Amino acid sequence: MKKRLFRSLLMLGFVMFYGLTQAQSVSGTVSDANGPLPGATIIVKGTTNGTTTDFDGKYSINVDDFENKLLVFSSIGYKTISVKLTSENLEVDITLQEDLLNLDEVIITGTSGI
């Protein structure tokens, strides 16, 4: 009876530990020279796992495994930045720099009030 209880508790502990080590949340703020940058895209390179920044430039993304993972930060009109993840950098704040050379044209659409 005691062995069965011990095995059950051991198995429960293993399952809980395995679940905790699988996905961790990385968060931070994306900004430019003028302050927070809303709508910037953050993607875990090589996956479809991604998110965008909120109005205050803040983001949070779950990453399954930190080994050899890169977070790719991008936004229209800015240079793309990649950051290698480690278990120590669970908060990554990035400042994107303008990339005016790659911005060829801007199209503005609208409707008239007529």
N, C-alpha and C. Protein backbone atom coordinates (compact mmCIF):
# COMPACT_ATOMS: atom_id res chain seq x y z
N MET A 1 0.82 -1.19 0.00
CA MET A 1 0.00 0.00 0.00
C MET A 1 0.87 1.26 0.00
N LYS A 2 1.93 1.25 0.84
CA LYS A 2 2.81 2.41 0.91
C LYS A 2 3.58 2.59 -0.39
N LYS A 3 4.00 1.46 -1.01
CA LYS A 3 4.71 1.56 -2.29
C LYS A 3 3.81 2.14 -3.36
N ARG A 4 2.58 1.75 -3.36
CA ARG A 4 1.62 2.24 -4.37
C ARG A 4 1.40 3.75 -4.20
N LEU A 5 1.24 4.19 -2.97
CA LEU A 5 1.06 5.62 -2.69
C LEU A 5 2.32 6.39 -3.10
N PHE A 6 3.50 5.85 -2.77
CA PHE A 6 4.75 6.50 -3.13
C PHE A 6 4.89 6.61 -4.65
N ARG A 7 4.58 5.56 -5.36
CA ARG A 7 4.65 5.58 -6.82
C ARG A 7 3.67 6.60 -7.41
N SER A 8 2.48 6.65 -6.85
CA SER A 8 1.48 7.61 -7.34
C SER A 8 1.95 9.04 -7.12
N LEU A 9 2.49 9.32 -5.95
CA LEU A 9 2.99 10.66 -5.66
C LEU A 9 4.20 11.00 -6.54
N LEU A 10 5.05 10.01 -6.77
CA LEU A 10 6.21 10.22 -7.62
C LEU A 10 5.77 10.53 -9.05
N MET A 11 4.79 9.81 -9.54
CA MET A 11 4.28 10.03 -10.90
C MET A 11 3.62 11.41 -11.00
N LEU A 12 2.85 11.79 -10.01
CA LEU A 12 2.21 13.11 -9.99
C LEU A 12 3.26 14.22 -10.00
N GLY A 13 4.32 14.06 -9.21
CA GLY A 13 5.39 15.05 -9.17
C GLY A 13 6.09 15.16 -10.51
N PHE A 14 6.33 14.03 -11.17
CA PHE A 14 6.95 14.03 -12.48
C PHE A 14 6.09 14.76 -13.50
N VAL A 15 4.80 14.49 -13.51
CA VAL A 15 3.88 15.13 -14.45
C VAL A 15 3.84 16.64 -14.22
N MET A 16 3.80 17.06 -12.96
CA MET A 16 3.77 18.48 -12.66
C MET A 16 5.08 19.15 -13.08
N PHE A 17 6.21 18.52 -12.81
CA PHE A 17 7.50 19.08 -13.19
C PHE A 17 7.63 19.18 -14.70
N TYR A 18 7.19 18.15 -15.40
CA TYR A 18 7.25 18.14 -16.87
C TYR A 18 6.41 19.26 -17.44
N GLY A 19 5.22 19.50 -16.88
CA GLY A 19 4.35 20.57 -17.35
C GLY A 19 4.94 21.95 -17.12
N LEU A 20 5.63 22.12 -16.02
CA LEU A 20 6.23 23.42 -15.72
C LEU A 20 7.43 23.73 -16.60
N THR A 21 8.14 22.70 -17.05
CA THR A 21 9.34 22.95 -17.85
C THR A 21 9.03 23.09 -19.33
N GLN A 22 7.83 22.84 -19.75
CA GLN A 22 7.53 22.85 -21.17
C GLN A 22 7.42 24.27 -21.74
N ALA A 23 6.53 25.07 -21.25
CA ALA A 23 6.31 26.40 -21.82
C ALA A 23 6.57 27.47 -20.76
N GLN A 24 7.36 28.45 -21.15
CA GLN A 24 7.58 29.59 -20.28
C GLN A 24 7.21 30.85 -21.04
N SER A 25 6.81 31.84 -20.30
CA SER A 25 6.38 33.09 -20.91
C SER A 25 7.54 34.09 -20.96
N VAL A 26 7.73 34.67 -22.13
CA VAL A 26 8.70 35.75 -22.31
C VAL A 26 7.88 37.01 -22.55
N SER A 27 8.25 38.09 -21.87
CA SER A 27 7.50 39.34 -22.03
C SER A 27 8.48 40.50 -22.10
N GLY A 28 7.94 41.66 -22.40
CA GLY A 28 8.77 42.85 -22.47
C GLY A 28 8.06 43.98 -23.19
N THR A 29 8.85 44.94 -23.63
CA THR A 29 8.32 46.12 -24.30
C THR A 29 9.12 46.37 -25.58
N VAL A 30 8.42 46.73 -26.65
CA VAL A 30 9.06 47.12 -27.90
C VAL A 30 8.82 48.61 -28.07
N SER A 31 9.90 49.34 -28.35
CA SER A 31 9.78 50.79 -28.51
C SER A 31 10.65 51.25 -29.68
N ASP A 32 10.51 52.52 -30.01
CA ASP A 32 11.40 53.16 -30.98
C ASP A 32 11.97 54.40 -30.30
N ALA A 33 12.58 55.28 -31.04
CA ALA A 33 13.20 56.46 -30.46
C ALA A 33 12.19 57.39 -29.79
N ASN A 34 10.91 57.29 -30.19
CA ASN A 34 9.87 58.17 -29.65
C ASN A 34 9.06 57.57 -28.51
N GLY A 35 9.28 56.30 -28.19
CA GLY A 35 8.54 55.66 -27.10
C GLY A 35 7.97 54.32 -27.52
N PRO A 36 6.94 53.83 -26.80
CA PRO A 36 6.38 52.51 -27.07
C PRO A 36 5.89 52.37 -28.51
N LEU A 37 6.01 51.16 -29.06
CA LEU A 37 5.65 50.90 -30.44
C LEU A 37 4.51 49.88 -30.50
N PRO A 38 3.27 50.36 -30.65
CA PRO A 38 2.15 49.43 -30.75
C PRO A 38 2.12 48.74 -32.11
N GLY A 39 1.66 47.49 -32.14
CA GLY A 39 1.49 46.76 -33.39
C GLY A 39 2.74 46.10 -33.94
N ALA A 40 3.83 46.09 -33.19
CA ALA A 40 5.04 45.39 -33.63
C ALA A 40 4.79 43.88 -33.52
N THR A 41 5.45 43.11 -34.38
CA THR A 41 5.26 41.67 -34.43
C THR A 41 6.44 40.96 -33.79
N ILE A 42 6.13 39.96 -32.97
CA ILE A 42 7.15 39.13 -32.33
C ILE A 42 6.83 37.68 -32.70
N ILE A 43 7.82 36.98 -33.29
CA ILE A 43 7.63 35.59 -33.71
C ILE A 43 8.80 34.75 -33.20
N VAL A 44 8.49 33.52 -32.76
CA VAL A 44 9.55 32.56 -32.45
C VAL A 44 10.00 31.99 -33.79
N LYS A 45 11.25 32.25 -34.16
CA LYS A 45 11.76 31.88 -35.48
C LYS A 45 11.61 30.37 -35.73
N GLY A 46 11.13 30.05 -36.93
CA GLY A 46 10.96 28.65 -37.31
C GLY A 46 9.65 28.04 -36.85
N THR A 47 8.78 28.85 -36.24
CA THR A 47 7.48 28.36 -35.78
C THR A 47 6.38 29.30 -36.28
N THR A 48 5.15 28.95 -35.98
CA THR A 48 4.02 29.84 -36.26
C THR A 48 3.57 30.55 -34.99
N ASN A 49 4.36 30.43 -33.94
CA ASN A 49 4.05 31.04 -32.66
C ASN A 49 4.46 32.51 -32.69
N GLY A 50 3.47 33.40 -32.58
CA GLY A 50 3.76 34.82 -32.62
C GLY A 50 2.73 35.65 -31.89
N THR A 51 3.02 36.93 -31.75
CA THR A 51 2.11 37.86 -31.09
C THR A 51 2.43 39.27 -31.58
N THR A 52 1.63 40.23 -31.16
CA THR A 52 1.88 41.64 -31.46
C THR A 52 1.86 42.44 -30.17
N THR A 53 2.47 43.61 -30.22
CA THR A 53 2.48 44.47 -29.04
C THR A 53 1.15 45.20 -28.90
N ASP A 54 0.80 45.51 -27.67
CA ASP A 54 -0.43 46.24 -27.40
C ASP A 54 -0.18 47.74 -27.57
N PHE A 55 -1.14 48.56 -27.17
CA PHE A 55 -1.05 50.02 -27.32
C PHE A 55 0.16 50.60 -26.60
N ASP A 56 0.58 49.98 -25.50
CA ASP A 56 1.72 50.46 -24.72
C ASP A 56 3.03 49.81 -25.14
N GLY A 57 3.04 49.05 -26.25
CA GLY A 57 4.25 48.40 -26.73
C GLY A 57 4.62 47.14 -25.97
N LYS A 58 3.72 46.64 -25.12
CA LYS A 58 4.01 45.46 -24.30
C LYS A 58 3.57 44.18 -25.02
N TYR A 59 4.27 43.09 -24.75
CA TYR A 59 3.94 41.80 -25.35
C TYR A 59 4.22 40.69 -24.35
N SER A 60 3.66 39.53 -24.61
CA SER A 60 3.94 38.31 -23.86
C SER A 60 3.74 37.15 -24.81
N ILE A 61 4.69 36.21 -24.81
CA ILE A 61 4.63 35.07 -25.71
C ILE A 61 5.14 33.83 -24.99
N ASN A 62 4.46 32.70 -25.18
CA ASN A 62 4.89 31.43 -24.59
C ASN A 62 5.88 30.74 -25.51
N VAL A 63 6.97 30.27 -24.93
CA VAL A 63 8.01 29.57 -25.69
C VAL A 63 8.21 28.20 -25.06
N ASP A 64 8.12 27.15 -25.89
CA ASP A 64 8.21 25.78 -25.38
C ASP A 64 9.59 25.42 -24.88
N ASP A 65 10.60 25.68 -25.66
CA ASP A 65 11.95 25.24 -25.34
C ASP A 65 12.91 26.37 -25.70
N PHE A 66 13.77 26.73 -24.77
CA PHE A 66 14.66 27.88 -24.99
C PHE A 66 15.91 27.53 -25.78
N GLU A 67 16.21 26.24 -25.95
CA GLU A 67 17.42 25.84 -26.67
C GLU A 67 17.38 26.30 -28.13
N ASN A 68 18.34 27.12 -28.51
CA ASN A 68 18.50 27.59 -29.89
C ASN A 68 17.26 28.27 -30.46
N LYS A 69 16.49 28.95 -29.63
CA LYS A 69 15.30 29.68 -30.09
C LYS A 69 15.65 31.15 -30.24
N LEU A 70 15.10 31.75 -31.28
CA LEU A 70 15.27 33.17 -31.52
C LEU A 70 13.91 33.84 -31.54
N LEU A 71 13.82 35.00 -30.90
CA LEU A 71 12.64 35.86 -31.03
C LEU A 71 12.97 36.88 -32.10
N VAL A 72 12.06 37.04 -33.07
CA VAL A 72 12.26 37.98 -34.16
C VAL A 72 11.26 39.13 -33.98
N PHE A 73 11.79 40.35 -33.85
CA PHE A 73 10.98 41.55 -33.64
C PHE A 73 10.97 42.34 -34.95
N SER A 74 9.76 42.72 -35.42
CA SER A 74 9.68 43.48 -36.67
C SER A 74 8.46 44.40 -36.65
N SER A 75 8.55 45.41 -37.48
CA SER A 75 7.45 46.34 -37.69
C SER A 75 7.73 47.08 -39.00
N ILE A 76 6.69 47.48 -39.70
CA ILE A 76 6.85 48.17 -40.98
C ILE A 76 7.61 49.47 -40.77
N GLY A 77 8.66 49.67 -41.58
CA GLY A 77 9.46 50.87 -41.49
C GLY A 77 10.59 50.80 -40.48
N TYR A 78 10.80 49.61 -39.87
CA TYR A 78 11.84 49.43 -38.86
C TYR A 78 12.71 48.23 -39.22
N LYS A 79 13.96 48.25 -38.78
CA LYS A 79 14.86 47.12 -38.99
C LYS A 79 14.44 45.95 -38.10
N THR A 80 14.51 44.75 -38.64
CA THR A 80 14.17 43.54 -37.90
C THR A 80 15.33 43.17 -36.98
N ILE A 81 14.99 42.76 -35.75
CA ILE A 81 16.00 42.37 -34.76
C ILE A 81 15.68 40.96 -34.28
N SER A 82 16.71 40.11 -34.17
CA SER A 82 16.56 38.76 -33.62
C SER A 82 17.33 38.69 -32.30
N VAL A 83 16.71 38.03 -31.30
CA VAL A 83 17.33 37.89 -29.98
C VAL A 83 17.32 36.42 -29.61
N LYS A 84 18.50 35.88 -29.26
CA LYS A 84 18.60 34.48 -28.83
C LYS A 84 18.08 34.37 -27.40
N LEU A 85 17.23 33.38 -27.16
CA LEU A 85 16.65 33.20 -25.83
C LEU A 85 17.51 32.29 -24.97
N THR A 86 17.56 32.62 -23.70
CA THR A 86 18.15 31.76 -22.68
C THR A 86 17.18 31.72 -21.51
N SER A 87 17.43 30.83 -20.58
CA SER A 87 16.52 30.74 -19.44
C SER A 87 16.64 31.97 -18.53
N GLU A 88 17.68 32.79 -18.71
CA GLU A 88 17.85 33.99 -17.89
C GLU A 88 17.11 35.20 -18.43
N ASN A 89 16.82 35.24 -19.73
CA ASN A 89 16.18 36.44 -20.28
C ASN A 89 14.69 36.21 -20.55
N LEU A 90 13.93 36.14 -19.48
CA LEU A 90 12.49 35.98 -19.58
C LEU A 90 11.79 37.31 -19.81
N GLU A 91 12.54 38.41 -19.72
CA GLU A 91 12.01 39.73 -20.04
C GLU A 91 12.96 40.37 -21.05
N VAL A 92 12.45 40.63 -22.26
CA VAL A 92 13.26 41.17 -23.33
C VAL A 92 12.64 42.48 -23.80
N ASP A 93 13.35 43.58 -23.55
CA ASP A 93 12.93 44.90 -24.02
C ASP A 93 13.78 45.27 -25.23
N ILE A 94 13.13 45.72 -26.30
CA ILE A 94 13.80 45.99 -27.57
C ILE A 94 13.47 47.40 -28.04
N THR A 95 14.46 48.08 -28.62
CA THR A 95 14.24 49.36 -29.28
C THR A 95 14.54 49.16 -30.76
N LEU A 96 13.52 49.31 -31.60
CA LEU A 96 13.69 49.15 -33.04
C LEU A 96 14.16 50.47 -33.65
N GLN A 97 15.02 50.35 -34.65
CA GLN A 97 15.54 51.52 -35.36
C GLN A 97 14.83 51.65 -36.70
N GLU A 98 14.57 52.89 -37.11
CA GLU A 98 13.90 53.13 -38.39
C GLU A 98 14.75 52.61 -39.54
N ASP A 99 14.07 52.10 -40.56
CA ASP A 99 14.73 51.59 -41.76
C ASP A 99 14.11 52.29 -42.95
N LEU A 100 14.51 53.52 -43.19
CA LEU A 100 13.91 54.33 -44.24
C LEU A 100 14.32 53.88 -45.64
N LEU A 101 15.42 53.15 -45.77
CA LEU A 101 15.87 52.69 -47.08
C LEU A 101 14.93 51.66 -47.69
N ASN A 102 14.29 50.84 -46.87
CA ASN A 102 13.40 49.80 -47.38
C ASN A 102 11.95 50.25 -47.52
N LEU A 103 11.66 51.48 -47.16
CA LEU A 103 10.31 52.00 -47.25
C LEU A 103 10.21 52.78 -48.56
N ASP A 104 9.72 52.12 -49.63
CA ASP A 104 9.68 52.73 -50.96
C ASP A 104 8.51 53.69 -51.13
N GLU A 105 7.33 53.25 -50.71
CA GLU A 105 6.17 54.13 -50.89
C GLU A 105 5.13 53.84 -49.83
N VAL A 106 4.30 54.83 -49.58
CA VAL A 106 3.21 54.71 -48.63
C VAL A 106 1.92 55.03 -49.36
N ILE A 107 0.94 54.16 -49.20
CA ILE A 107 -0.36 54.37 -49.83
C ILE A 107 -1.37 54.67 -48.74
N ILE A 108 -2.09 55.77 -48.91
CA ILE A 108 -3.11 56.16 -47.95
C ILE A 108 -4.45 56.07 -48.65
N THR A 109 -5.37 55.34 -48.02
CA THR A 109 -6.72 55.22 -48.58
C THR A 109 -7.71 55.82 -47.59
N GLY A 110 -8.78 56.29 -48.13
CA GLY A 110 -9.80 56.89 -47.28
C GLY A 110 -11.10 57.08 -48.06
N THR A 111 -12.09 57.56 -47.36
CA THR A 111 -13.37 57.84 -48.01
C THR A 111 -13.74 59.29 -47.78
N SER A 112 -14.46 59.82 -48.69
CA SER A 112 -14.89 61.21 -48.52
C SER A 112 -16.21 61.21 -47.77
N GLY A 113 -16.49 62.29 -47.18
CA GLY A 113 -17.71 62.42 -46.38
C GLY A 113 -18.93 62.80 -47.20
N ILE A 114 -18.87 62.62 -48.51
CA ILE A 114 -19.98 63.03 -49.38
C ILE A 114 -21.05 62.00 -49.41
